[in-house]
Each structure stands twice: as C-alpha cells, then as structure tokens.
C-alpha cells in the first residue's frame, strides 16, 4: 500500500548573509520573525509522533545562522523520542577550517542524513567554490548524502562550470531556472529558458508532502517559497492546530493532490471537454515558468468556478481508489487511474 508521507520543514527566517536577486525566501515573503528553539522542539515533538512524518528539514534564509539553536532543539527532540532523520539547506558561506567538519559531525550525530547546498552564479558572488567543495567532501565522509541545487537566469549556465569536479563528490546535482517568485518576481526580470509544457504539468513526488512551517507558525503543504503563500494553500498554523489536523488538511486538498499525482493536463482536458465556458480563463502554459505558477493562478483566480470540475475528477479518483484518497491507496489502483488518462505516475 502506498501511504501519504510528509517532510516537515522549518523556514527558519529570511535572514541570510547573501542577497541573491532571485531569493524566494526574502523578508517580504517570510516576514520579520524567526523560528525559535522552543518552537522547533514543540513542532518536532508533536509531528514526530505522526506515523506519516518521515523526516524534518531546515531551510531559510540561511539556517546555519541559527546553528546552536538547531543543534539544541534536535538534541532535546532526540531525548523526547523523536526519531526521524533530517536534512538542512545551506549556502556553505560559513565553511572554513576545523569548523566545517566539527559542525557537520555534530549534525550527523544528531541524525542529519542529507545536506542540500545552494550554489550558482548568484551564490558564487559571496561563496567560493572551495567552501562548497569543503562542505560537500566533509559531509560525504561523515556518511551524509550531498545534493547541489543551482538556479540560473540563463539556460546556457551550468553549475559544472563553477564546480568542475562537483559530480565526483555530490550524490545529485539539480539545475533549475529562476521562476517569478519572491525577489525575482518583484524584479520584473524573467529567466531566459525554455521549459517544455509537459514539465509544467506536475511538481512530482506523488503522495509525499513537504510541509513548510514559517516563523509565524503558518504551515503549507509544499516547499515552494512564495508560491505556497501567494497560492493561499495554508493547511493550518502550528500555534493553534494539532499536527494531525494540519496533515489531514494537507492530504485532503485535492488541488494539491492533483498537481502532485497526475498533473494539470487532466484538469485542463476535463475543462476543455466538459466545461468549455472556463477554457479561455485557464492559465497559459506558455507563459508559466512551471507547475507552481499554474497552481497559484488556478487556486486564486478560479477556485470557486473549478469546484464542480474538481468534484467530478475526485469522484472518479475515489471510485478507483476505493475511497482511500485521504489516507492510503493501492499502488496498482493509482497506476490504473493514471494510465487511463495517458499520464505517467
């Protein structure tokens, strides 16, 4: 059986010593606050009891600005019985000398199994290739998975040009294009790229949710900075709602389930065939940078009008899944549902 699972991630704050011109977690997006040590412990202790929560994550801004608080909260969480592993995002600006290995060793001892390093032309304005490599090599030596994530304005750019040996020490390298979110959206600039329409249908990771917790406690069912907020996808607030309530709300949101599991192509096909009066109001794939932009525009501009469309698709989905959409569904049934619509799972 394929169950819904979740990573619960903390957007620690907007603070960062770098000022990348495409940042989607700047002050205007994240707000002026920060996640406290006590809040981290409380959230990990409560969500750690939920069987569907498989890991925690720390992002920002730059989470290593709060290194001592993160370590202390994790140590207390382990004492409280929280067992899930965690990952952390960083620019590696802090790396240098003995501190690099010492800091990473402490995190690995507390359960860090992956480190995500952000590096591209913008990050390279403040962080040297040597710092990134030092963090990557040390993390690998300590047994953690290393992933490098790059965002570029121009499709001709590649992280391998900045880090020629990156594939020798990174487990995975991701190259993406800047999208119109956060600081990039306010700049009025658009990345020079060509993303195929098919790549804009789905954000992937069927049945897995990246619950993002912001400093004000608001929680969202996905990790897309700015888009999760501007799309009005809140699934609750950790300061007033239980972990179970937040997860149930995230898992039950069929709008989110659609983009994660079978993509906007299904929705668009149904609208064009059965609700032609709405077809001209659908977002234009050619103008969108990716599935998150389509997700936002659908949920903010056409939410009420699309209710009967969603109801029809969800009824078909539930009939195939045996009414198990909110909790679990047979993998074979999922595949049959996708195959009937020409969609790869």
Protein backbone atom coordinates (compact mmCIF):
# COMPACT_ATOMS: atom_id res chain seq x y z
CA UNK A 1 0.00 0.00 0.00
CA UNK A 2 1.19 3.49 -0.88
CA UNK A 3 0.62 5.86 2.03
CA UNK A 4 0.82 9.61 2.23
CA UNK A 5 4.06 10.74 3.84
CA UNK A 6 5.45 14.12 4.82
CA UNK A 7 8.64 16.01 5.44
CA UNK A 8 8.12 18.81 7.95
CA UNK A 9 10.47 21.67 7.18
CA UNK A 10 11.23 24.87 9.07
CA UNK A 11 11.67 28.13 7.15
CA UNK A 12 13.90 29.46 9.92
CA UNK A 13 13.80 33.13 8.87
CA UNK A 14 14.54 35.39 5.91
CA UNK A 15 17.98 36.24 7.30
CA UNK A 16 20.94 35.40 5.08
CA UNK A 17 24.37 36.99 4.56
CA UNK A 18 23.82 36.59 0.80
CA UNK A 19 21.46 38.75 -1.23
CA UNK A 20 20.67 36.63 -4.28
CA UNK A 21 18.50 38.53 -6.73
CA UNK A 22 16.08 35.63 -7.17
CA UNK A 23 15.58 34.67 -3.49
CA UNK A 24 12.08 33.31 -2.84
CA UNK A 25 12.50 33.44 0.95
CA UNK A 26 13.36 37.10 1.43
CA UNK A 27 11.98 39.32 4.19
CA UNK A 28 8.88 40.32 2.25
CA UNK A 29 7.96 36.68 1.71
CA UNK A 30 8.93 35.12 5.05
CA UNK A 31 8.26 38.10 7.32
CA UNK A 32 10.44 39.64 10.02
CA UNK A 33 10.32 36.82 12.57
CA UNK A 34 12.29 33.64 13.13
CA UNK A 35 11.57 30.12 14.38
CA UNK A 36 12.67 29.86 17.99
CA UNK A 37 14.41 26.95 19.67
CA UNK A 38 11.28 26.24 21.71
CA UNK A 39 9.08 26.28 18.61
CA UNK A 40 11.34 23.82 16.79
CA UNK A 41 11.25 21.41 19.70
CA UNK A 42 7.48 21.70 20.07
CA UNK A 43 6.83 21.06 16.38
CA UNK A 44 9.26 18.14 16.17
CA UNK A 45 7.85 16.57 19.33
CA UNK A 46 4.26 16.76 18.04
CA UNK A 47 4.81 15.89 14.39
CA UNK A 48 7.36 13.24 15.34
CA UNK A 49 4.50 11.19 16.78
CA UNK A 50 2.68 11.11 13.46
CA UNK A 51 3.41 7.87 11.53
CA UNK A 52 3.26 9.63 8.16
CA UNK A 53 6.03 12.12 9.04
CA UNK A 54 9.25 10.57 7.76
CA UNK A 55 11.74 13.43 8.17
CA UNK A 56 12.37 17.03 9.20
CA UNK A 57 14.20 19.74 7.31
CA UNK A 58 15.73 23.16 7.98
CA UNK A 59 15.83 25.96 5.46
CA UNK A 60 15.82 29.75 5.36
CA UNK A 61 17.29 32.20 4.61
CA UNK A 62 20.41 30.58 5.93
CA UNK A 63 19.65 28.09 8.75
CA UNK A 64 23.31 27.90 9.78
CA UNK A 65 22.87 31.38 11.27
CA UNK A 66 20.91 29.52 13.95
CA UNK A 67 23.23 26.57 14.21
CA UNK A 68 23.35 26.48 18.03
CA UNK A 69 19.56 26.68 18.36
CA UNK A 70 19.02 23.95 15.76
CA UNK A 71 21.52 21.64 17.46
CA UNK A 72 20.00 22.27 20.90
CA UNK A 73 16.44 21.71 19.65
CA UNK A 74 17.45 18.49 17.90
CA UNK A 75 19.26 17.20 20.98
CA UNK A 76 16.18 17.83 23.11
CA UNK A 77 13.94 16.27 20.47
CA UNK A 78 16.03 13.09 20.47
CA UNK A 79 15.74 12.92 24.24
CA UNK A 80 11.98 13.26 23.82
CA UNK A 81 11.92 10.26 21.47
CA UNK A 82 11.80 11.98 18.07
CA UNK A 83 13.45 9.50 15.69
CA UNK A 84 13.08 10.92 12.17
CA UNK A 85 16.24 11.90 10.24
CA UNK A 86 16.62 15.45 8.96
CA UNK A 87 18.21 17.44 6.16
CA UNK A 88 19.45 21.01 6.04
CA UNK A 89 19.88 23.61 3.30
CA UNK A 90 22.90 25.92 3.22
CA UNK A 91 24.96 28.19 1.00
CA UNK A 92 28.15 26.97 2.76
CA UNK A 93 29.14 30.60 3.47
CA UNK A 94 30.18 29.60 7.00
CA UNK A 95 32.64 26.89 5.95
CA UNK A 96 36.34 27.12 6.67
CA UNK A 97 38.94 25.32 8.72
CA UNK A 98 38.14 22.93 11.52
CA UNK A 99 34.63 24.32 11.99
CA UNK A 100 33.42 22.72 8.75
CA UNK A 101 33.88 19.16 9.89
CA UNK A 102 33.07 19.86 13.54
CA UNK A 103 29.72 21.43 12.74
CA UNK A 104 28.75 18.75 10.23
CA UNK A 105 29.86 15.93 12.53
CA UNK A 106 27.64 17.26 15.27
CA UNK A 107 24.67 17.43 12.94
CA UNK A 108 25.30 13.95 11.57
CA UNK A 109 25.48 12.59 15.11
CA UNK A 110 22.01 14.04 15.67
CA UNK A 111 20.56 12.38 12.57
CA UNK A 112 21.37 14.56 9.56
CA UNK A 113 21.44 12.22 6.55
CA UNK A 114 21.44 14.83 3.76
CA UNK A 115 22.78 18.31 3.13
CA UNK A 116 21.49 20.49 0.30
CA UNK A 117 23.98 23.08 -0.92
CA UNK A 118 22.69 26.02 -2.97
CA UNK A 119 25.26 27.18 -5.50
CA UNK A 120 25.04 29.02 -8.80
CA UNK A 121 26.19 32.27 -10.36
CA UNK A 122 24.38 34.37 -7.75
CA UNK A 123 25.61 32.37 -4.74
CA UNK A 124 29.13 32.49 -6.20
CA UNK A 125 29.17 36.26 -5.63
CA UNK A 126 29.62 35.55 -1.91
CA UNK A 127 30.71 31.91 -1.52
CA UNK A 128 33.81 30.35 -3.04
CA UNK A 129 33.91 27.00 -4.85
CA UNK A 130 36.39 25.89 -2.20
CA UNK A 131 33.85 26.42 0.60
CA UNK A 132 31.18 24.46 -1.24
CA UNK A 133 33.57 21.62 -2.02
CA UNK A 134 34.80 21.55 1.58
CA UNK A 135 31.27 21.12 2.92
CA UNK A 136 30.43 18.51 0.31
CA UNK A 137 33.51 16.40 0.91
CA UNK A 138 33.20 16.56 4.69
CA UNK A 139 29.51 15.63 4.62
CA UNK A 140 30.19 12.67 2.30
CA UNK A 141 32.98 11.47 4.55
CA UNK A 142 30.59 11.61 7.51
CA UNK A 143 28.03 9.49 5.67
CA UNK A 144 25.52 12.16 4.62
CA UNK A 145 24.07 12.45 1.15
CA UNK A 146 25.16 15.62 -0.68
CA UNK A 147 22.94 17.42 -3.15
CA UNK A 148 23.82 20.63 -5.00
CA UNK A 149 20.96 22.84 -6.18
CA UNK A 150 21.51 25.59 -8.75
CA UNK A 151 19.13 28.19 -10.14
CA UNK A 152 20.10 30.17 -13.20
CA UNK A 153 18.71 33.11 -15.13
CA UNK A 154 20.12 31.82 -18.39
CA UNK A 155 19.66 28.33 -19.82
CA UNK A 156 23.27 28.31 -21.04
CA UNK A 157 24.64 28.31 -17.49
CA UNK A 158 25.62 25.13 -15.65
CA UNK A 159 26.85 24.52 -12.12
CA UNK A 160 29.63 22.32 -13.54
CA UNK A 161 31.24 25.48 -14.89
CA UNK A 162 31.51 26.81 -11.34
CA UNK A 163 32.33 23.45 -9.73
CA UNK A 164 34.10 21.33 -12.37
CA UNK A 165 34.51 18.33 -10.06
CA UNK A 166 31.05 18.52 -8.46
CA UNK A 167 29.92 15.16 -9.81
CA UNK A 168 32.85 13.48 -8.09
CA UNK A 169 31.64 14.35 -4.59
CA UNK A 170 27.93 15.26 -4.91
CA UNK A 171 25.36 12.49 -4.99
CA UNK A 172 23.00 14.61 -7.07
CA UNK A 173 23.19 17.91 -8.94
CA UNK A 174 19.99 19.78 -9.81
CA UNK A 175 19.91 22.58 -12.36
CA UNK A 176 16.77 24.71 -12.47
CA UNK A 177 15.74 28.08 -13.87
CA UNK A 178 14.74 31.11 -11.86
CA UNK A 179 10.96 31.43 -11.51
CA UNK A 180 8.92 34.54 -10.86
CA UNK A 181 8.67 34.24 -7.10
CA UNK A 182 9.87 36.36 -4.20
CA UNK A 183 12.59 38.83 -5.10
CA UNK A 184 12.73 37.57 -8.69
CA UNK A 185 9.05 38.36 -9.24
CA UNK A 186 9.46 41.88 -7.92
CA UNK A 187 12.47 42.50 -10.15
CA UNK A 188 10.38 42.38 -13.31
CA UNK A 189 13.04 40.21 -14.88
CA UNK A 190 12.39 36.82 -16.44
CA UNK A 191 14.80 33.94 -16.84
CA UNK A 192 15.94 33.02 -20.33
CA UNK A 193 14.82 29.43 -20.62
CA UNK A 194 12.54 27.10 -22.46
CA UNK A 195 10.67 24.63 -20.26
CA UNK A 196 8.56 22.10 -22.21
CA UNK A 197 4.83 22.26 -21.49
CA UNK A 198 4.85 18.67 -20.23
CA UNK A 199 7.28 19.71 -17.48
CA UNK A 200 4.75 22.25 -16.20
CA UNK A 201 2.01 19.71 -15.50
CA UNK A 202 3.20 18.34 -12.17
CA UNK A 203 5.60 19.12 -9.34
CA UNK A 204 6.02 15.39 -8.75
CA UNK A 205 6.51 13.35 -5.56
CA UNK A 206 3.10 11.63 -5.54
CA UNK A 207 1.77 11.09 -2.02
CA UNK A 208 4.70 12.92 -0.39
CA UNK A 209 4.15 16.38 1.08
CA UNK A 210 6.81 18.91 2.06
CA UNK A 211 5.05 20.71 4.91
CA UNK A 212 6.70 24.14 5.28
CA UNK A 213 6.42 25.88 8.65
CA UNK A 214 7.04 29.62 8.59
CA UNK A 215 8.14 31.82 11.54
CA UNK A 216 4.54 32.92 12.20
CA UNK A 217 3.53 29.26 12.53
CA UNK A 218 1.62 29.08 9.27
CA UNK A 219 2.04 25.73 7.53
CA UNK A 220 1.81 24.95 3.82
CA UNK A 221 1.63 21.59 2.00
CA UNK A 222 4.56 22.24 -0.31
CA UNK A 223 8.09 23.64 -0.27
CA UNK A 224 7.76 26.28 -2.99
CA UNK A 225 8.78 29.56 -1.40
CA UNK A 226 6.38 32.41 -2.14
CA UNK A 227 4.09 30.29 -4.34
CA UNK A 228 2.72 28.30 -1.39
CA UNK A 229 1.72 31.58 0.27
CA UNK A 230 0.56 33.51 -2.78
CA UNK A 231 -1.46 30.47 -3.85
CA UNK A 232 -3.28 30.62 -0.49
CA UNK A 233 -2.55 26.98 0.30
CA UNK A 234 -2.27 27.21 4.09
CA UNK A 235 -3.16 23.95 5.83
CA UNK A 236 -3.18 25.44 9.33
CA UNK A 237 -0.98 27.05 11.92
CA UNK A 238 1.24 25.10 14.32
CA UNK A 239 0.49 27.61 17.09
CA UNK A 240 -3.17 26.65 17.22
CA UNK A 241 -3.73 23.48 15.20
CA UNK A 242 -2.63 19.95 16.04
CA UNK A 243 -0.14 18.06 13.91
CA UNK A 244 -2.87 15.62 12.91
CA UNK A 245 -5.19 18.41 11.80
CA UNK A 246 -2.52 20.08 9.68
CA UNK A 247 -1.51 16.84 7.99
CA UNK A 248 -5.12 15.83 7.36
CA UNK A 249 -5.86 19.21 5.78
CA UNK A 250 -2.77 18.94 3.56
CA UNK A 251 -3.57 15.38 2.46
CA UNK A 252 -7.23 16.21 1.75
CA UNK A 253 -6.52 19.20 -0.52
CA UNK A 254 -7.43 17.79 -3.92
CA UNK A 255 -5.95 20.79 -5.72
CA UNK A 256 -2.55 19.91 -4.28
CA UNK A 257 -3.08 16.19 -4.80
CA UNK A 258 -3.81 16.82 -8.46
CA UNK A 259 -0.58 18.65 -9.23
CA UNK A 260 1.47 16.16 -7.22
CA UNK A 261 -0.05 12.95 -8.57
CA UNK A 262 -1.36 13.34 -12.10
CA UNK A 263 -0.81 16.92 -13.18
CA UNK A 264 -2.71 19.83 -14.65
CA UNK A 265 -3.10 18.09 -18.00
CA UNK A 266 -6.01 16.05 -16.59
CA UNK A 267 -7.77 19.17 -15.27
CA UNK A 268 -7.27 21.12 -18.48
CA UNK A 269 -8.58 18.23 -20.59
CA UNK A 270 -11.75 17.92 -18.49
CA UNK A 271 -12.38 21.68 -18.57
CA UNK A 272 -11.94 21.92 -22.33
CA UNK A 273 -14.19 18.93 -22.92
CA UNK A 274 -16.97 19.37 -20.33
CA UNK A 275 -16.72 22.99 -19.13
CA UNK A 276 -15.81 24.96 -22.27
CA UNK A 277 -17.02 28.24 -20.77
CA UNK A 278 -14.00 28.13 -18.43
CA UNK A 279 -11.41 27.08 -21.01
CA UNK A 280 -10.42 30.61 -22.03
CA UNK A 281 -9.77 31.54 -18.39
CA UNK A 282 -7.27 28.76 -17.70
CA UNK A 283 -3.64 29.83 -17.15
CA UNK A 284 -1.46 29.81 -20.24
CA UNK A 285 1.19 27.09 -20.03
CA UNK A 286 3.34 29.02 -22.48
CA UNK A 287 3.51 31.99 -20.12
CA UNK A 288 4.08 29.99 -16.91
CA UNK A 289 7.55 29.23 -15.59
CA UNK A 290 6.41 25.96 -14.05
CA UNK A 291 3.64 23.99 -12.30
CA UNK A 292 3.76 26.17 -9.17
CA UNK A 293 2.76 29.26 -11.12
CA UNK A 294 -0.16 27.39 -12.68
CA UNK A 295 -1.11 26.09 -9.23
CA UNK A 296 -1.21 29.61 -7.79
CA UNK A 297 -3.23 31.10 -10.63
CA UNK A 298 -5.81 28.30 -10.62
CA UNK A 299 -6.35 28.47 -6.86
CA UNK A 300 -6.54 32.26 -6.62
CA UNK A 301 -8.42 33.13 -9.82
CA UNK A 302 -10.70 30.17 -10.50
CA UNK A 303 -11.13 28.33 -7.19
CA UNK A 304 -14.92 28.67 -6.97
CA UNK A 305 -15.57 28.09 -10.65
CA UNK A 306 -13.45 24.93 -10.62
CA UNK A 307 -15.26 23.30 -7.70
CA UNK A 308 -17.61 21.23 -9.92
CA UNK A 309 -14.69 20.23 -12.14
CA UNK A 310 -12.66 19.05 -9.16
CA UNK A 311 -15.68 17.24 -7.75
CA UNK A 312 -16.05 15.26 -10.96
CA UNK A 313 -12.38 14.31 -11.15
CA UNK A 314 -12.22 13.47 -7.43
CA UNK A 315 -15.29 11.24 -7.69
CA UNK A 316 -13.59 9.26 -10.44
CA UNK A 317 -10.38 9.15 -8.41
CA UNK A 318 -12.15 7.89 -5.29
CA UNK A 319 -14.05 5.24 -7.22
CA UNK A 320 -10.74 3.85 -8.45
CA UNK A 321 -9.02 4.18 -5.08
CA UNK A 322 -11.87 2.74 -3.09
CA UNK A 323 -12.44 5.92 -1.11
CA UNK A 324 -8.91 5.97 0.27
CA UNK A 325 -7.60 9.26 -1.12
CA UNK A 326 -7.15 10.88 2.27
CA UNK A 327 -5.19 8.03 3.83
CA UNK A 328 -3.77 5.39 1.54
CA UNK A 329 -4.40 3.80 -1.81
CA UNK A 330 -3.30 0.67 -3.59
CA UNK A 331 -0.37 1.44 -5.89
CA UNK A 332 -1.83 -0.66 -8.69
CA UNK A 333 -5.07 1.32 -8.49
CA UNK A 334 -3.16 4.58 -8.72
CA UNK A 335 -1.30 3.36 -11.78
CA UNK A 336 -4.56 2.25 -13.41
CA UNK A 337 -6.06 5.68 -12.79
CA UNK A 338 -3.08 7.43 -14.34
CA UNK A 339 -2.85 5.06 -17.29
CA UNK A 340 -6.48 5.66 -18.19
CA UNK A 341 -5.64 9.31 -18.69
CA UNK A 342 -2.39 8.92 -20.53
CA UNK A 343 -0.38 10.15 -17.54
CA UNK A 344 2.79 8.52 -16.27
CA UNK A 345 2.78 8.04 -12.44
